[in-house]
N, C-alpha and C. Protein backbone atom coordinates (compact mmCIF):
# COMPACT_ATOMS: atom_id res chain seq x y z
N LEU A 1 -4.56 19.05 21.09
CA LEU A 1 -3.25 19.10 20.75
C LEU A 1 -2.63 17.64 20.18
N MET A 2 -3.10 16.72 21.12
CA MET A 2 -2.50 15.26 20.95
C MET A 2 -3.51 14.76 19.69
N ASP A 3 -4.72 14.96 19.56
CA ASP A 3 -5.41 14.54 18.14
C ASP A 3 -4.79 15.13 17.00
N ASN A 4 -4.35 16.57 17.06
CA ASN A 4 -3.79 17.11 15.89
C ASN A 4 -2.35 16.32 15.68
N ARG A 5 -1.56 15.99 16.35
CA ARG A 5 -0.25 15.24 16.24
C ARG A 5 -0.54 13.78 15.75
N ARG A 6 -1.75 13.34 16.17
CA ARG A 6 -1.86 11.94 15.91
C ARG A 6 -2.12 11.92 14.23
N VAL A 7 -3.11 13.15 13.73
CA VAL A 7 -3.52 13.12 12.51
C VAL A 7 -2.40 13.45 11.66
N ALA A 8 -1.47 14.46 11.99
CA ALA A 8 -0.43 14.76 11.27
C ALA A 8 0.77 13.40 11.19
N GLY A 9 0.99 12.73 12.39
CA GLY A 9 1.83 11.63 12.37
C GLY A 9 1.22 10.63 11.49
N ALA A 10 -0.07 10.18 11.48
CA ALA A 10 -0.53 9.11 10.58
C ALA A 10 -0.35 9.54 9.09
N GLN A 11 -0.60 10.87 8.80
CA GLN A 11 -0.43 11.16 7.22
C GLN A 11 1.24 11.10 6.92
N ARG A 12 2.18 11.35 7.74
CA ARG A 12 3.59 11.32 7.58
C ARG A 12 3.81 9.81 7.38
N ILE A 13 3.55 9.08 8.21
CA ILE A 13 3.62 7.74 8.25
C ILE A 13 3.34 6.95 6.88
N LEU A 14 1.90 7.27 6.22
CA LEU A 14 1.40 6.80 5.16
C LEU A 14 2.39 7.28 3.90
N GLU A 15 2.76 8.69 3.97
CA GLU A 15 3.80 9.02 2.83
C GLU A 15 4.95 8.33 2.95
N GLN A 16 5.59 8.14 3.90
CA GLN A 16 6.90 7.36 4.00
C GLN A 16 6.73 5.92 3.69
N GLU A 17 5.81 5.40 4.14
CA GLU A 17 5.41 3.95 3.76
C GLU A 17 5.57 3.65 2.17
N LEU A 18 4.70 4.64 1.51
CA LEU A 18 4.56 4.46 0.04
C LEU A 18 6.02 5.05 -0.83
N GLU A 19 6.62 5.97 0.02
CA GLU A 19 7.80 6.60 -0.79
C GLU A 19 8.73 5.50 -0.61
N GLY A 20 8.71 4.44 0.51
CA GLY A 20 9.75 3.40 0.64
C GLY A 20 9.49 2.17 -0.22
N LEU A 21 8.54 2.09 -1.22
CA LEU A 21 8.23 1.04 -1.86
C LEU A 21 9.34 0.36 -2.43
N VAL A 22 9.56 -0.94 -2.26
CA VAL A 22 10.61 -1.63 -2.94
C VAL A 22 9.90 -2.82 -3.98
N PRO A 23 10.59 -2.49 -5.11
CA PRO A 23 10.07 -3.23 -6.28
C PRO A 23 10.34 -4.60 -6.22
N VAL A 24 9.71 -5.56 -5.51
CA VAL A 24 9.64 -7.00 -5.49
C VAL A 24 8.98 -7.56 -6.62
N VAL A 25 9.62 -8.71 -7.11
CA VAL A 25 8.98 -9.71 -8.16
C VAL A 25 8.84 -10.87 -7.30
N ALA A 26 7.53 -11.38 -6.99
CA ALA A 26 7.35 -12.40 -6.26
C ALA A 26 6.91 -13.65 -7.04
N GLN A 27 7.03 -14.89 -6.45
CA GLN A 27 6.66 -16.12 -7.07
C GLN A 27 5.42 -16.49 -6.66
N CYS A 28 4.25 -15.86 -7.52
CA CYS A 28 2.80 -15.83 -7.14
C CYS A 28 2.18 -17.33 -7.39
N GLY A 29 1.26 -17.65 -6.36
CA GLY A 29 0.77 -19.01 -6.70
C GLY A 29 1.67 -20.16 -6.40
N GLN A 30 2.74 -20.12 -5.64
CA GLN A 30 3.60 -21.12 -5.29
C GLN A 30 3.03 -22.06 -4.11
N GLY A 31 3.14 -23.27 -4.42
CA GLY A 31 2.80 -24.42 -3.41
C GLY A 31 3.87 -24.70 -2.59
N MET A 32 3.65 -25.94 -2.01
CA MET A 32 4.83 -26.38 -1.41
C MET A 32 5.79 -27.26 -2.19
N GLU A 33 5.11 -27.47 -3.25
CA GLU A 33 5.90 -28.26 -4.53
C GLU A 33 6.57 -27.30 -5.24
N GLY A 34 6.52 -26.03 -5.18
CA GLY A 34 7.03 -24.99 -5.94
C GLY A 34 6.33 -24.52 -7.05
N GLY A 35 6.62 -24.20 -8.20
CA GLY A 35 5.73 -23.43 -9.40
C GLY A 35 5.38 -22.19 -9.22
N GLY A 36 4.33 -21.88 -9.84
CA GLY A 36 3.90 -20.41 -9.49
C GLY A 36 4.45 -19.51 -10.63
N THR A 37 4.10 -18.29 -10.75
CA THR A 37 4.09 -17.22 -11.56
C THR A 37 4.97 -16.10 -11.28
N LYS A 38 6.07 -15.73 -11.78
CA LYS A 38 6.67 -14.38 -11.29
C LYS A 38 5.65 -13.43 -11.67
N ALA A 39 5.44 -12.35 -10.71
CA ALA A 39 4.92 -11.17 -10.99
C ALA A 39 5.08 -10.16 -10.02
N GLN A 40 4.70 -8.68 -10.22
CA GLN A 40 5.30 -7.60 -9.46
C GLN A 40 4.45 -7.93 -8.27
N PHE A 41 5.06 -7.58 -7.06
CA PHE A 41 4.27 -7.67 -5.74
C PHE A 41 3.59 -6.29 -5.34
N PHE A 42 2.62 -6.04 -6.06
CA PHE A 42 1.88 -4.73 -5.82
C PHE A 42 0.35 -4.89 -5.64
N GLN A 43 -0.36 -4.87 -4.75
CA GLN A 43 -1.71 -5.01 -4.86
C GLN A 43 -2.62 -3.52 -4.94
N GLY A 44 -3.16 -3.11 -5.89
CA GLY A 44 -3.74 -1.79 -5.99
C GLY A 44 -5.28 -1.86 -6.28
N GLU A 45 -6.10 -1.79 -5.00
CA GLU A 45 -7.60 -1.82 -5.22
C GLU A 45 -8.05 -0.46 -4.49
N PRO A 46 -9.28 -0.43 -4.63
CA PRO A 46 -10.00 0.97 -3.88
C PRO A 46 -9.81 0.81 -2.67
N GLU A 47 -9.92 -0.22 -1.86
CA GLU A 47 -9.88 -0.26 -0.31
C GLU A 47 -8.67 -1.06 0.30
N THR A 48 -7.87 -1.69 -0.63
CA THR A 48 -6.78 -2.43 -0.27
C THR A 48 -5.37 -2.16 -1.01
N MET A 49 -4.37 -2.10 -0.27
CA MET A 49 -3.12 -1.90 -0.95
C MET A 49 -2.18 -2.90 -0.24
N ARG A 50 -1.44 -3.44 -1.07
CA ARG A 50 -0.29 -4.44 -0.36
C ARG A 50 1.06 -4.16 -1.32
N LEU A 51 2.05 -3.80 -0.57
CA LEU A 51 3.43 -3.62 -0.92
C LEU A 51 4.49 -3.99 0.11
N VAL A 52 5.73 -3.97 -0.40
CA VAL A 52 6.78 -4.15 0.26
C VAL A 52 7.58 -2.93 0.51
N SER A 53 7.90 -2.31 1.83
CA SER A 53 8.45 -1.07 1.84
C SER A 53 9.63 -1.00 2.85
N THR A 54 10.49 -0.20 2.73
CA THR A 54 11.77 -0.34 3.50
C THR A 54 11.42 0.72 4.82
N PHE A 55 10.17 1.15 4.88
CA PHE A 55 9.77 2.15 6.24
C PHE A 55 8.84 0.99 6.95
N SER A 56 8.93 1.13 8.30
CA SER A 56 8.15 0.54 9.13
C SER A 56 7.81 1.21 10.45
N LEU A 57 6.82 0.84 11.02
CA LEU A 57 6.28 1.59 12.16
C LEU A 57 7.24 1.18 13.34
N GLN A 58 7.78 0.11 13.37
CA GLN A 58 8.78 -0.31 14.47
C GLN A 58 10.13 0.54 14.27
N GLY A 59 10.61 0.36 13.19
CA GLY A 59 12.08 0.78 13.02
C GLY A 59 12.14 2.24 12.16
N ALA A 60 11.10 2.70 11.41
CA ALA A 60 11.16 3.71 10.74
C ALA A 60 11.97 3.46 9.41
N TRP A 61 13.01 4.21 9.02
CA TRP A 61 13.78 3.76 8.03
C TRP A 61 15.05 3.10 8.42
N ARG A 62 15.16 2.72 9.59
CA ARG A 62 16.11 1.96 10.20
C ARG A 62 15.93 0.27 9.99
N GLY A 63 14.53 0.04 10.37
CA GLY A 63 14.04 -1.22 10.36
C GLY A 63 14.20 -2.07 9.07
N GLN A 64 13.93 -3.40 9.18
CA GLN A 64 13.95 -4.49 8.16
C GLN A 64 12.79 -4.21 7.34
N PRO A 65 12.82 -4.44 5.86
CA PRO A 65 11.62 -4.31 4.98
C PRO A 65 10.64 -4.96 5.48
N GLN A 66 9.49 -4.50 5.12
CA GLN A 66 7.95 -5.13 5.54
C GLN A 66 6.91 -5.06 4.50
N ILE A 67 6.41 -6.37 4.56
CA ILE A 67 5.04 -6.39 3.66
C ILE A 67 4.18 -5.54 4.22
N LEU A 68 3.69 -4.62 3.64
CA LEU A 68 2.51 -3.62 4.42
C LEU A 68 1.21 -3.97 3.59
N GLU A 69 0.07 -4.20 4.51
CA GLU A 69 -1.00 -4.30 3.99
C GLU A 69 -1.95 -3.20 4.41
N ILE A 70 -2.45 -2.19 3.62
CA ILE A 70 -2.96 -1.05 4.08
C ILE A 70 -4.50 -0.99 3.54
N PHE A 71 -5.48 -1.01 4.51
CA PHE A 71 -6.61 -1.61 3.91
C PHE A 71 -7.68 -0.65 4.77
N VAL A 72 -9.18 -0.47 4.39
CA VAL A 72 -10.19 -0.04 4.99
C VAL A 72 -11.06 -0.99 5.68
N ILE A 73 -11.52 -0.84 7.03
CA ILE A 73 -12.48 -1.60 7.55
C ILE A 73 -13.51 -0.94 8.29
N PRO A 74 -14.52 -1.39 8.63
CA PRO A 74 -15.78 -0.63 9.28
C PRO A 74 -15.18 -0.20 10.65
N GLY A 75 -15.64 0.91 10.88
CA GLY A 75 -15.18 1.50 12.23
C GLY A 75 -16.03 1.12 13.32
N ALA A 76 -15.65 1.20 14.43
CA ALA A 76 -16.19 0.63 15.67
C ALA A 76 -17.52 1.45 16.17
N GLN A 77 -17.39 3.05 15.77
CA GLN A 77 -18.65 3.54 15.96
C GLN A 77 -19.05 4.48 14.86
N GLY A 78 -19.17 3.55 13.66
CA GLY A 78 -19.69 3.83 12.46
C GLY A 78 -18.51 4.62 11.62
N GLY A 79 -18.99 4.86 10.17
CA GLY A 79 -17.78 5.11 9.18
C GLY A 79 -16.76 4.10 8.98
N VAL A 80 -15.62 4.43 8.60
CA VAL A 80 -14.64 3.47 8.42
C VAL A 80 -13.44 3.83 9.10
N ARG A 81 -12.47 2.93 9.09
CA ARG A 81 -10.97 3.20 9.59
C ARG A 81 -9.87 2.57 8.64
N LEU A 82 -8.78 3.48 8.66
CA LEU A 82 -7.69 2.97 7.80
C LEU A 82 -6.77 2.19 8.66
N VAL A 83 -6.44 0.91 8.47
CA VAL A 83 -5.40 0.20 9.17
C VAL A 83 -4.30 -0.31 8.32
N VAL A 84 -2.99 -0.83 9.07
CA VAL A 84 -2.09 -1.45 8.26
C VAL A 84 -1.60 -2.35 9.06
N ASN A 85 -1.09 -3.49 8.43
CA ASN A 85 -0.61 -4.75 9.02
C ASN A 85 0.81 -4.62 8.35
N GLU A 86 1.77 -5.01 9.30
CA GLU A 86 3.25 -5.34 8.95
C GLU A 86 3.74 -6.65 9.02
N ILE A 87 4.05 -7.16 7.82
CA ILE A 87 4.79 -8.74 8.02
C ILE A 87 6.05 -8.61 7.71
N PRO A 88 7.10 -9.07 8.46
CA PRO A 88 8.53 -9.00 8.07
C PRO A 88 8.55 -9.59 6.69
N TYR A 89 9.29 -8.76 5.72
CA TYR A 89 9.59 -9.30 4.21
C TYR A 89 10.82 -10.25 4.51
N GLN A 90 10.74 -11.57 3.98
CA GLN A 90 11.83 -12.53 4.21
C GLN A 90 12.16 -12.95 2.76
N GLY A 91 12.05 -12.13 1.67
CA GLY A 91 12.21 -12.38 0.22
C GLY A 91 11.09 -12.64 -0.62
N PRO A 92 11.31 -12.93 -1.90
CA PRO A 92 10.07 -12.87 -2.87
C PRO A 92 9.27 -14.34 -2.79
N LEU A 93 9.96 -15.47 -2.22
CA LEU A 93 9.20 -16.71 -2.10
C LEU A 93 8.10 -16.51 -0.94
N ALA A 94 8.66 -15.68 0.13
CA ALA A 94 7.70 -15.73 1.23
C ALA A 94 6.60 -14.57 0.93
N ALA A 95 7.02 -13.48 0.06
CA ALA A 95 5.85 -12.58 -0.58
C ALA A 95 4.89 -13.47 -1.34
N GLY A 96 5.17 -14.22 -2.03
CA GLY A 96 4.48 -14.96 -3.03
C GLY A 96 3.52 -15.90 -2.30
N ARG A 97 3.67 -16.13 -1.19
CA ARG A 97 2.56 -17.00 -0.28
C ARG A 97 1.47 -16.07 0.03
N LEU A 98 1.41 -14.79 -0.23
CA LEU A 98 0.28 -13.78 -0.16
C LEU A 98 -0.42 -13.47 -1.56
N CYS A 99 0.33 -13.84 -2.42
CA CYS A 99 -0.14 -13.66 -3.86
C CYS A 99 -0.38 -14.92 -4.44
N LEU A 100 -1.76 -14.93 -4.95
CA LEU A 100 -2.17 -16.43 -5.53
C LEU A 100 -1.85 -16.47 -7.05
N GLY A 101 -1.70 -15.32 -7.68
CA GLY A 101 -1.44 -15.26 -9.10
C GLY A 101 -1.30 -13.88 -9.68
N PRO A 102 -0.99 -13.66 -10.76
CA PRO A 102 -0.67 -12.14 -11.05
C PRO A 102 -2.04 -11.38 -10.95
N GLY A 103 -2.02 -10.45 -10.19
CA GLY A 103 -2.91 -9.68 -9.89
C GLY A 103 -4.06 -10.25 -8.80
N LYS A 104 -3.69 -11.34 -8.21
CA LYS A 104 -4.73 -11.97 -7.25
C LYS A 104 -3.77 -12.03 -5.91
N TYR A 105 -4.50 -11.75 -4.85
CA TYR A 105 -4.16 -11.75 -3.57
C TYR A 105 -4.90 -12.15 -2.55
N SER A 106 -4.50 -12.79 -1.38
CA SER A 106 -5.12 -13.42 -0.38
C SER A 106 -5.88 -12.26 0.33
N PRO A 107 -7.03 -12.27 0.90
CA PRO A 107 -7.79 -11.09 1.60
C PRO A 107 -6.84 -10.85 2.79
N ALA A 108 -6.87 -9.34 2.85
CA ALA A 108 -6.18 -8.83 4.18
C ALA A 108 -7.11 -8.65 5.35
N SER A 109 -6.72 -9.00 6.64
CA SER A 109 -7.82 -8.82 7.63
C SER A 109 -7.22 -8.41 8.88
N ALA A 110 -7.71 -7.47 9.61
CA ALA A 110 -7.35 -6.87 10.84
C ALA A 110 -7.11 -7.87 12.01
N GLY A 111 -6.18 -7.54 12.67
CA GLY A 111 -6.01 -8.50 13.85
C GLY A 111 -5.37 -7.79 15.12
N PRO A 112 -4.94 -8.42 16.12
CA PRO A 112 -4.45 -7.82 17.14
C PRO A 112 -3.39 -6.74 17.03
N ASP A 113 -2.50 -7.25 16.05
CA ASP A 113 -1.31 -6.31 15.70
C ASP A 113 -1.52 -5.36 14.73
N SER A 114 -2.60 -5.06 14.04
CA SER A 114 -3.12 -4.15 13.10
C SER A 114 -3.14 -2.87 13.69
N PHE A 115 -2.31 -1.83 13.08
CA PHE A 115 -2.33 -0.42 13.64
C PHE A 115 -3.38 0.22 12.97
N VAL A 116 -4.15 1.12 13.60
CA VAL A 116 -5.19 2.08 13.15
C VAL A 116 -4.37 3.34 12.68
N LEU A 117 -4.24 3.79 11.53
CA LEU A 117 -3.78 5.03 11.04
C LEU A 117 -4.66 6.24 10.95
N ALA A 118 -6.07 5.78 10.86
CA ALA A 118 -7.04 6.81 10.86
C ALA A 118 -8.34 6.24 11.04
N ASP A 119 -9.23 6.92 12.00
CA ASP A 119 -10.48 6.27 12.55
C ASP A 119 -11.32 7.47 12.25
N LYS A 120 -12.77 6.95 12.25
CA LYS A 120 -14.00 7.77 12.40
C LYS A 120 -13.93 8.65 11.02
N LEU A 121 -13.60 7.96 9.90
CA LEU A 121 -13.73 8.47 8.57
C LEU A 121 -15.21 8.08 7.93
N ALA A 122 -15.53 9.27 7.02
CA ALA A 122 -16.69 9.12 6.15
C ALA A 122 -16.56 8.19 5.02
N PHE A 123 -15.26 8.18 4.57
CA PHE A 123 -14.62 7.54 3.58
C PHE A 123 -13.18 7.30 3.47
N CYS A 124 -12.80 6.45 2.85
CA CYS A 124 -11.40 6.11 2.50
C CYS A 124 -11.13 5.52 1.27
N ARG A 125 -10.51 5.99 0.27
CA ARG A 125 -10.51 5.24 -0.95
C ARG A 125 -9.09 5.47 -1.36
N PHE A 126 -8.51 4.49 -2.36
CA PHE A 126 -7.19 4.61 -2.94
C PHE A 126 -7.39 4.80 -4.37
N THR A 127 -6.40 5.74 -4.99
CA THR A 127 -6.42 5.79 -6.30
C THR A 127 -4.85 5.70 -6.85
N TYR A 128 -4.59 5.35 -8.15
CA TYR A 128 -3.36 4.95 -8.60
C TYR A 128 -3.00 5.85 -9.83
N LEU A 129 -1.90 6.45 -10.04
CA LEU A 129 -1.52 7.02 -11.41
C LEU A 129 -0.87 6.07 -12.09
N ASP A 130 -1.40 5.94 -13.22
CA ASP A 130 -0.65 4.90 -14.18
C ASP A 130 -0.61 5.42 -15.52
N GLN A 131 0.53 5.15 -16.25
CA GLN A 131 0.81 5.53 -17.61
C GLN A 131 0.29 4.46 -18.53
N PRO A 132 -0.70 4.77 -19.59
CA PRO A 132 -1.11 3.91 -20.27
C PRO A 132 -0.29 3.24 -21.26
N PRO A 133 -0.62 2.20 -21.94
CA PRO A 133 0.54 1.61 -22.77
C PRO A 133 0.79 2.32 -23.93
N ASP A 134 -0.13 3.42 -24.46
CA ASP A 134 0.22 4.32 -25.40
C ASP A 134 0.96 5.50 -24.88
N GLN A 135 2.21 5.65 -24.86
CA GLN A 135 3.01 6.51 -24.24
C GLN A 135 2.75 7.91 -24.76
N ASN A 136 2.05 8.10 -25.77
CA ASN A 136 1.58 9.70 -26.21
C ASN A 136 0.52 10.02 -25.27
N LEU A 137 -0.30 9.25 -24.72
CA LEU A 137 -1.17 9.76 -23.90
C LEU A 137 -0.86 9.83 -22.38
N PRO A 138 -1.36 11.00 -21.79
CA PRO A 138 -1.14 11.38 -20.42
C PRO A 138 -1.29 10.32 -19.33
N PRO A 139 -0.59 10.18 -18.27
CA PRO A 139 -0.96 9.31 -17.08
C PRO A 139 -2.26 9.59 -16.55
N SER A 140 -3.07 8.66 -16.07
CA SER A 140 -4.29 8.85 -15.41
C SER A 140 -4.52 8.08 -14.22
N TRP A 141 -5.52 8.77 -13.66
CA TRP A 141 -5.78 8.03 -12.22
C TRP A 141 -6.90 7.01 -12.36
N SER A 142 -6.77 5.96 -11.65
CA SER A 142 -7.61 4.71 -11.77
C SER A 142 -7.94 4.36 -10.30
N PRO A 143 -8.97 3.66 -9.94
CA PRO A 143 -9.34 2.99 -8.58
C PRO A 143 -8.81 1.70 -8.34
N SER A 144 -8.08 1.05 -9.42
CA SER A 144 -7.52 -0.25 -9.39
C SER A 144 -6.48 -0.31 -10.13
N PHE A 145 -5.33 -0.80 -9.90
CA PHE A 145 -3.92 -0.82 -10.46
C PHE A 145 -3.90 -2.10 -11.05
N ALA A 146 -3.56 -2.25 -12.52
CA ALA A 146 -3.38 -3.44 -13.20
C ALA A 146 -2.27 -3.16 -14.17
N GLY A 147 -1.38 -2.27 -13.93
CA GLY A 147 -0.49 -1.73 -14.75
C GLY A 147 0.93 -2.93 -14.86
N THR A 148 1.48 -2.82 -15.78
CA THR A 148 2.73 -3.66 -16.19
C THR A 148 3.91 -3.36 -15.34
N ALA A 149 4.09 -2.00 -15.03
CA ALA A 149 5.29 -1.53 -14.14
C ALA A 149 4.60 -1.15 -12.75
N TRP A 150 5.16 -0.16 -12.30
CA TRP A 150 4.80 0.19 -10.96
C TRP A 150 4.12 1.51 -11.19
N PRO A 151 2.88 1.93 -10.15
CA PRO A 151 2.19 3.14 -10.16
C PRO A 151 3.17 4.29 -10.11
N LEU A 152 2.88 5.35 -10.81
CA LEU A 152 3.71 6.70 -10.64
C LEU A 152 3.62 7.42 -9.48
N ALA A 153 2.33 7.25 -8.92
CA ALA A 153 1.81 7.89 -7.52
C ALA A 153 0.84 7.15 -7.06
N VAL A 154 0.35 7.38 -5.53
CA VAL A 154 -0.60 6.72 -4.97
C VAL A 154 -1.31 7.86 -4.36
N ARG A 155 -2.63 8.04 -4.24
CA ARG A 155 -3.45 8.96 -3.65
C ARG A 155 -4.34 8.12 -2.70
N ILE A 156 -4.52 8.75 -1.46
CA ILE A 156 -5.34 8.13 -0.52
C ILE A 156 -6.20 9.50 0.08
N GLU A 157 -7.52 9.34 -0.47
CA GLU A 157 -8.53 10.16 0.00
C GLU A 157 -9.39 10.03 1.11
N MET A 158 -9.47 10.79 1.83
CA MET A 158 -10.30 10.37 3.20
C MET A 158 -10.78 11.76 3.78
N ALA A 159 -11.76 11.50 4.49
CA ALA A 159 -12.85 12.67 5.03
C ALA A 159 -13.15 12.34 6.13
N PRO A 160 -13.43 13.34 7.21
CA PRO A 160 -13.87 12.88 8.55
C PRO A 160 -15.35 12.54 8.60
N LEU A 161 -15.87 11.74 9.29
CA LEU A 161 -17.11 11.34 9.57
C LEU A 161 -17.80 12.61 10.28
N ALA A 162 -17.17 13.11 11.03
CA ALA A 162 -17.73 14.38 11.74
C ALA A 162 -16.70 15.57 11.52
N PRO A 163 -16.98 16.20 10.69
CA PRO A 163 -15.92 17.44 10.58
C PRO A 163 -15.95 18.41 11.87
N ASP A 164 -14.83 18.89 12.21
CA ASP A 164 -14.47 19.64 13.38
C ASP A 164 -13.55 20.76 13.03
N ALA A 165 -13.94 21.90 12.76
CA ALA A 165 -13.16 22.94 12.51
C ALA A 165 -12.19 23.37 13.35
N SER A 166 -12.14 22.99 14.62
CA SER A 166 -10.98 23.50 15.79
C SER A 166 -10.15 22.38 15.77
N ARG A 167 -10.09 21.40 14.97
CA ARG A 167 -9.26 20.09 14.86
C ARG A 167 -8.61 20.00 13.75
N LEU A 168 -7.53 19.51 13.52
CA LEU A 168 -6.70 19.05 12.25
C LEU A 168 -7.52 17.85 11.84
N GLN A 169 -7.98 17.89 10.58
CA GLN A 169 -8.67 16.58 9.97
C GLN A 169 -7.84 15.92 9.07
N PRO A 170 -8.34 14.76 8.89
CA PRO A 170 -7.64 13.71 7.84
C PRO A 170 -7.85 14.44 6.56
N ILE A 171 -6.81 14.44 5.69
CA ILE A 171 -6.85 15.08 4.26
C ILE A 171 -6.25 13.90 3.39
N SER A 172 -6.48 14.23 2.01
CA SER A 172 -5.78 13.34 1.03
C SER A 172 -4.48 13.44 1.06
N VAL A 173 -3.72 12.12 1.10
CA VAL A 173 -2.26 11.86 0.92
C VAL A 173 -2.05 11.60 -0.44
N LEU A 174 -0.79 12.24 -1.09
CA LEU A 174 -0.61 11.90 -2.30
C LEU A 174 1.08 11.69 -2.33
N ALA A 175 1.31 10.22 -2.72
CA ALA A 175 2.82 10.06 -2.41
C ALA A 175 3.33 9.63 -3.80
N PRO A 176 4.26 10.35 -4.38
CA PRO A 176 4.86 9.66 -5.66
C PRO A 176 5.85 8.72 -5.53
N ILE A 177 5.69 7.58 -6.42
CA ILE A 177 6.41 6.61 -6.29
C ILE A 177 7.72 6.46 -7.13
N HIS A 178 8.74 6.43 -6.70
CA HIS A 178 10.21 6.70 -7.29
C HIS A 178 10.74 5.19 -7.74
N VAL A 179 10.10 4.50 -8.49
CA VAL A 179 10.73 2.96 -8.68
C VAL A 179 10.72 3.04 -10.20
N PHE A 180 12.05 2.87 -10.70
CA PHE A 180 12.19 2.65 -12.17
C PHE A 180 12.77 1.22 -12.76
N ARG A 181 12.46 0.33 -11.76
CA ARG A 181 12.97 -0.86 -12.17
C ARG A 181 11.60 -1.40 -12.92
N HIS A 182 11.77 -2.13 -14.08
CA HIS A 182 10.79 -2.90 -14.61
C HIS A 182 10.57 -4.46 -14.25
N PRO A 183 9.27 -4.67 -13.76
CA PRO A 183 9.31 -6.14 -13.35
C PRO A 183 9.51 -7.41 -14.12
N GLU A 184 9.65 -6.86 -15.57
CA GLU A 184 9.76 -8.09 -16.60
C GLU A 184 11.30 -8.14 -16.91
N VAL A 185 11.99 -7.13 -16.29
CA VAL A 185 13.44 -7.18 -16.83
C VAL A 185 14.36 -7.83 -15.77
N THR A 186 14.99 -8.96 -15.79
CA THR A 186 15.90 -9.48 -15.03
C THR A 186 17.30 -8.44 -14.68
N TYR A 187 17.47 -8.17 -13.50
CA TYR A 187 18.70 -7.42 -13.17
C TYR A 187 19.65 -8.56 -12.64
N GLY A 188 20.99 -8.06 -12.76
CA GLY A 188 21.94 -8.92 -12.13
C GLY A 188 23.13 -7.97 -11.72
N ASP A 189 23.59 -8.47 -10.48
CA ASP A 189 24.72 -7.73 -10.00
C ASP A 189 26.16 -8.14 -10.90
N ASN A 190 26.82 -7.14 -11.50
CA ASN A 190 27.98 -7.53 -12.27
C ASN A 190 29.17 -6.65 -11.73
């Protein structure tokens, strides 16, 4: 029963983290002397995703926004595991320190504060739903996100290393992204 609750809880956490995406535009590649390029802060690769979310493991929906690094690492007993790092979000300049330039990020790595969302997986991969530049074409799924806006949805596909019909198994998570702010448009409070 505890294993089943753990699997269901991890899937719910993933959905809420993705649905809490904050549309941050960071100053990427900024050094101590300033500079850098403004770019949307969203890393979408097949085994690594980085974003800012209003949902955190510590405070749920009541906590402060966090930079989430969700990524896949080798498992301790074979297969792979899905982990997440939470870094307190302290503004676009701080987020820009993780962003080396538009579409380029420093590597994510597991540490003592990393939280294991799923373990003993045969595979775990991310895909992103994006609208092509030609608005007449339908949205399509891609293993890497390089869009100019935000993904329409994120899918995390995973399968257990050793399927067991008597237990709840990790399944794919599909989370729509409800962000309508375009990263190239400057918004102001009037």
